[in-house]
Protein backbone atom coordinates (compact mmCIF):
# COMPACT_ATOMS: atom_id res chain seq x y z
CA UNK A 1 12.68 -3.65 103.46
CA UNK A 2 13.12 -6.54 100.78
CA UNK A 3 13.13 -5.86 97.35
CA UNK A 4 9.69 -6.46 95.67
CA UNK A 5 9.62 -8.97 92.57
CA UNK A 6 6.45 -9.58 90.48
CA UNK A 7 6.18 -12.59 88.47
CA UNK A 8 4.15 -12.41 85.38
CA UNK A 9 2.24 -14.66 83.18
CA UNK A 10 -0.81 -14.14 80.99
CA UNK A 11 -3.33 -16.22 83.04
CA UNK A 12 -1.57 -16.19 86.41
CA UNK A 13 -2.95 -19.79 86.90
CA UNK A 14 0.01 -22.13 86.33
CA UNK A 15 3.77 -20.96 85.84
CA UNK A 16 3.61 -17.52 87.74
CA UNK A 17 2.18 -19.15 90.67
CA UNK A 18 4.76 -22.04 90.52
CA UNK A 19 7.60 -19.69 90.17
CA UNK A 20 6.20 -17.30 93.08
CA UNK A 21 6.32 -20.21 95.47
CA UNK A 22 9.54 -21.68 94.57
CA UNK A 23 11.12 -18.18 94.57
CA UNK A 24 9.67 -17.61 97.74
CA UNK A 25 10.78 -20.69 99.56
CA UNK A 26 14.23 -19.97 97.95
CA UNK A 27 14.52 -16.54 98.56
CA UNK A 28 13.26 -16.75 102.33
CA UNK A 29 12.92 -13.06 103.88
CA UNK A 30 15.46 -11.61 101.21
CA UNK A 31 12.67 -10.82 98.69
CA UNK A 32 9.13 -9.98 98.74
CA UNK A 33 7.46 -11.97 95.92
CA UNK A 34 4.29 -11.58 94.20
CA UNK A 35 2.61 -12.95 90.85
CA UNK A 36 -0.02 -11.72 88.83
CA UNK A 37 -1.50 -11.99 85.19
CA UNK A 38 -1.95 -9.90 82.19
CA UNK A 39 -5.57 -11.88 81.67
CA UNK A 40 -6.09 -13.55 85.11
CA UNK A 41 -7.68 -17.03 84.40
CA UNK A 42 -9.45 -16.65 87.88
CA UNK A 43 -8.21 -19.67 89.39
CA UNK A 44 -5.18 -21.44 90.17
CA UNK A 45 -4.75 -24.87 88.24
CA UNK A 46 -5.06 -27.72 90.69
CA UNK A 47 -2.18 -29.61 89.04
CA UNK A 48 0.11 -26.49 89.81
CA UNK A 49 -0.84 -26.78 93.40
CA UNK A 50 -0.06 -30.73 93.19
CA UNK A 51 3.27 -30.46 91.56
CA UNK A 52 4.45 -27.91 94.05
CA UNK A 53 2.99 -29.85 97.06
CA UNK A 54 5.37 -32.76 96.00
CA UNK A 55 8.28 -30.39 96.67
CA UNK A 56 6.93 -29.24 100.01
CA UNK A 57 5.54 -25.84 98.61
CA UNK A 58 2.06 -24.73 99.49
CA UNK A 59 0.31 -22.57 96.97
CA UNK A 60 -3.24 -23.77 97.75
CA UNK A 61 -4.09 -20.32 99.19
CA UNK A 62 -2.81 -18.49 96.12
CA UNK A 63 -5.67 -16.68 93.86
CA UNK A 64 -5.31 -15.34 90.45
CA UNK A 65 -4.64 -11.53 90.31
CA UNK A 66 -4.69 -8.89 87.61
CA UNK A 67 -1.12 -6.94 87.26
CA UNK A 68 -2.89 -3.69 87.63
CA UNK A 69 -3.07 -4.31 91.22
CA UNK A 70 0.68 -4.01 91.48
CA UNK A 71 1.47 -1.19 89.05
CA UNK A 72 2.14 1.73 91.91
CA UNK A 73 3.14 -0.57 94.62
CA UNK A 74 7.05 -0.28 94.38
CA UNK A 75 7.83 -3.25 92.45
CA UNK A 76 11.66 -3.55 92.05
CA UNK A 77 11.72 -6.69 89.35
CA UNK A 78 9.50 -7.86 86.81
CA UNK A 79 10.15 -11.24 85.48
CA UNK A 80 7.76 -12.65 82.85
CA UNK A 81 7.51 -16.53 82.23
CA UNK A 82 5.72 -16.19 79.20
CA UNK A 83 5.82 -14.65 75.67
CA UNK A 84 2.48 -13.12 75.77
CA UNK A 85 3.04 -11.42 79.27
CA UNK A 86 6.36 -10.20 78.00
CA UNK A 87 4.91 -8.78 75.02
CA UNK A 88 1.99 -7.15 77.00
CA UNK A 89 3.70 -5.95 79.99
CA UNK A 90 3.30 -2.40 80.96
CA UNK A 91 5.92 -0.05 82.09
CA UNK A 92 6.22 0.10 85.73
CA UNK A 93 7.25 3.32 87.50
CA UNK A 94 10.83 3.63 89.00
CA UNK A 95 13.84 1.89 88.19
CA UNK A 96 12.36 -1.58 87.61
CA UNK A 97 14.51 -4.52 86.27
CA UNK A 98 12.96 -6.63 83.82
CA UNK A 99 13.78 -10.49 82.87
CA UNK A 100 12.05 -12.50 80.49
CA UNK A 101 12.31 -16.29 81.39
CA UNK A 102 9.96 -17.98 79.43
CA UNK A 103 8.48 -21.46 80.11
CA UNK A 104 5.96 -23.96 78.21
CA UNK A 105 2.60 -23.88 79.31
CA UNK A 106 2.01 -26.87 81.61
CA UNK A 107 -1.49 -27.95 80.63
CA UNK A 108 -0.45 -27.60 76.86
CA UNK A 109 2.96 -28.93 77.27
CA UNK A 110 2.65 -32.94 77.83
CA UNK A 111 5.10 -34.94 75.53
CA UNK A 112 4.56 -38.18 73.97
CA UNK A 113 4.04 -40.59 76.94
CA UNK A 114 3.87 -37.98 79.40
CA UNK A 115 0.85 -37.25 81.37
CA UNK A 116 -0.36 -33.66 82.23
CA UNK A 117 0.96 -34.15 85.61
CA UNK A 118 4.09 -35.10 84.40
CA UNK A 119 4.29 -32.10 82.32
CA UNK A 120 3.58 -29.99 85.34
CA UNK A 121 6.44 -31.52 87.14
CA UNK A 122 8.99 -31.13 84.30
CA UNK A 123 8.06 -27.64 84.04
CA UNK A 124 8.15 -27.03 87.73
CA UNK A 125 11.52 -28.57 87.64
CA UNK A 126 12.72 -26.32 85.02
CA UNK A 127 11.38 -23.15 86.91
CA UNK A 128 13.11 -24.34 90.38
CA UNK A 129 16.29 -24.39 88.12
CA UNK A 130 16.14 -21.03 87.13
CA UNK A 131 14.58 -19.18 90.21
CA UNK A 132 16.89 -20.98 92.68
CA UNK A 133 19.90 -20.19 90.53
CA UNK A 134 18.39 -16.37 90.40
CA UNK A 135 18.49 -16.27 94.10
CA UNK A 136 21.74 -17.83 94.53
CA UNK A 137 23.37 -15.28 92.12
CA UNK A 138 21.65 -12.54 94.03
CA UNK A 139 23.06 -13.97 97.61
CA UNK A 140 26.67 -13.85 96.33
CA UNK A 141 26.72 -11.29 94.08
CA UNK A 142 28.02 -12.95 91.10
CA UNK A 143 24.76 -13.12 89.25
CA UNK A 144 21.70 -11.20 88.50
CA UNK A 145 20.90 -8.51 91.67
CA UNK A 146 17.90 -6.68 92.48
């Protein structure tokens, strides 16, 4: 069985879904990847879907989930992608690795001269670099492993 990774954010509407899609594509069948939120927004942001479609990843079928759904499911690794989720993350049963890799909240991250979609693209690319490096390290045993 593949190790189970849970990516957490507060609303489970942007960052965690982008990270889930990117990690799932990068890891293939090496990891079982999920995302959830401590206070789910109830939707996946359309610009998160669009930003990932641009790089060939379809998250249009994703939905917002509460982290409680995963508390007793054998999660091996928890990765928080926002500070609020890191602070409110409960203890998961068993030997669970925790990582905290915060990213800006895309709907609030537009810089001067940058559209909201551009902010989603920039943060998507940051998430992609981190999570692809995580998978590379896991594969060659030189980086973080699960």
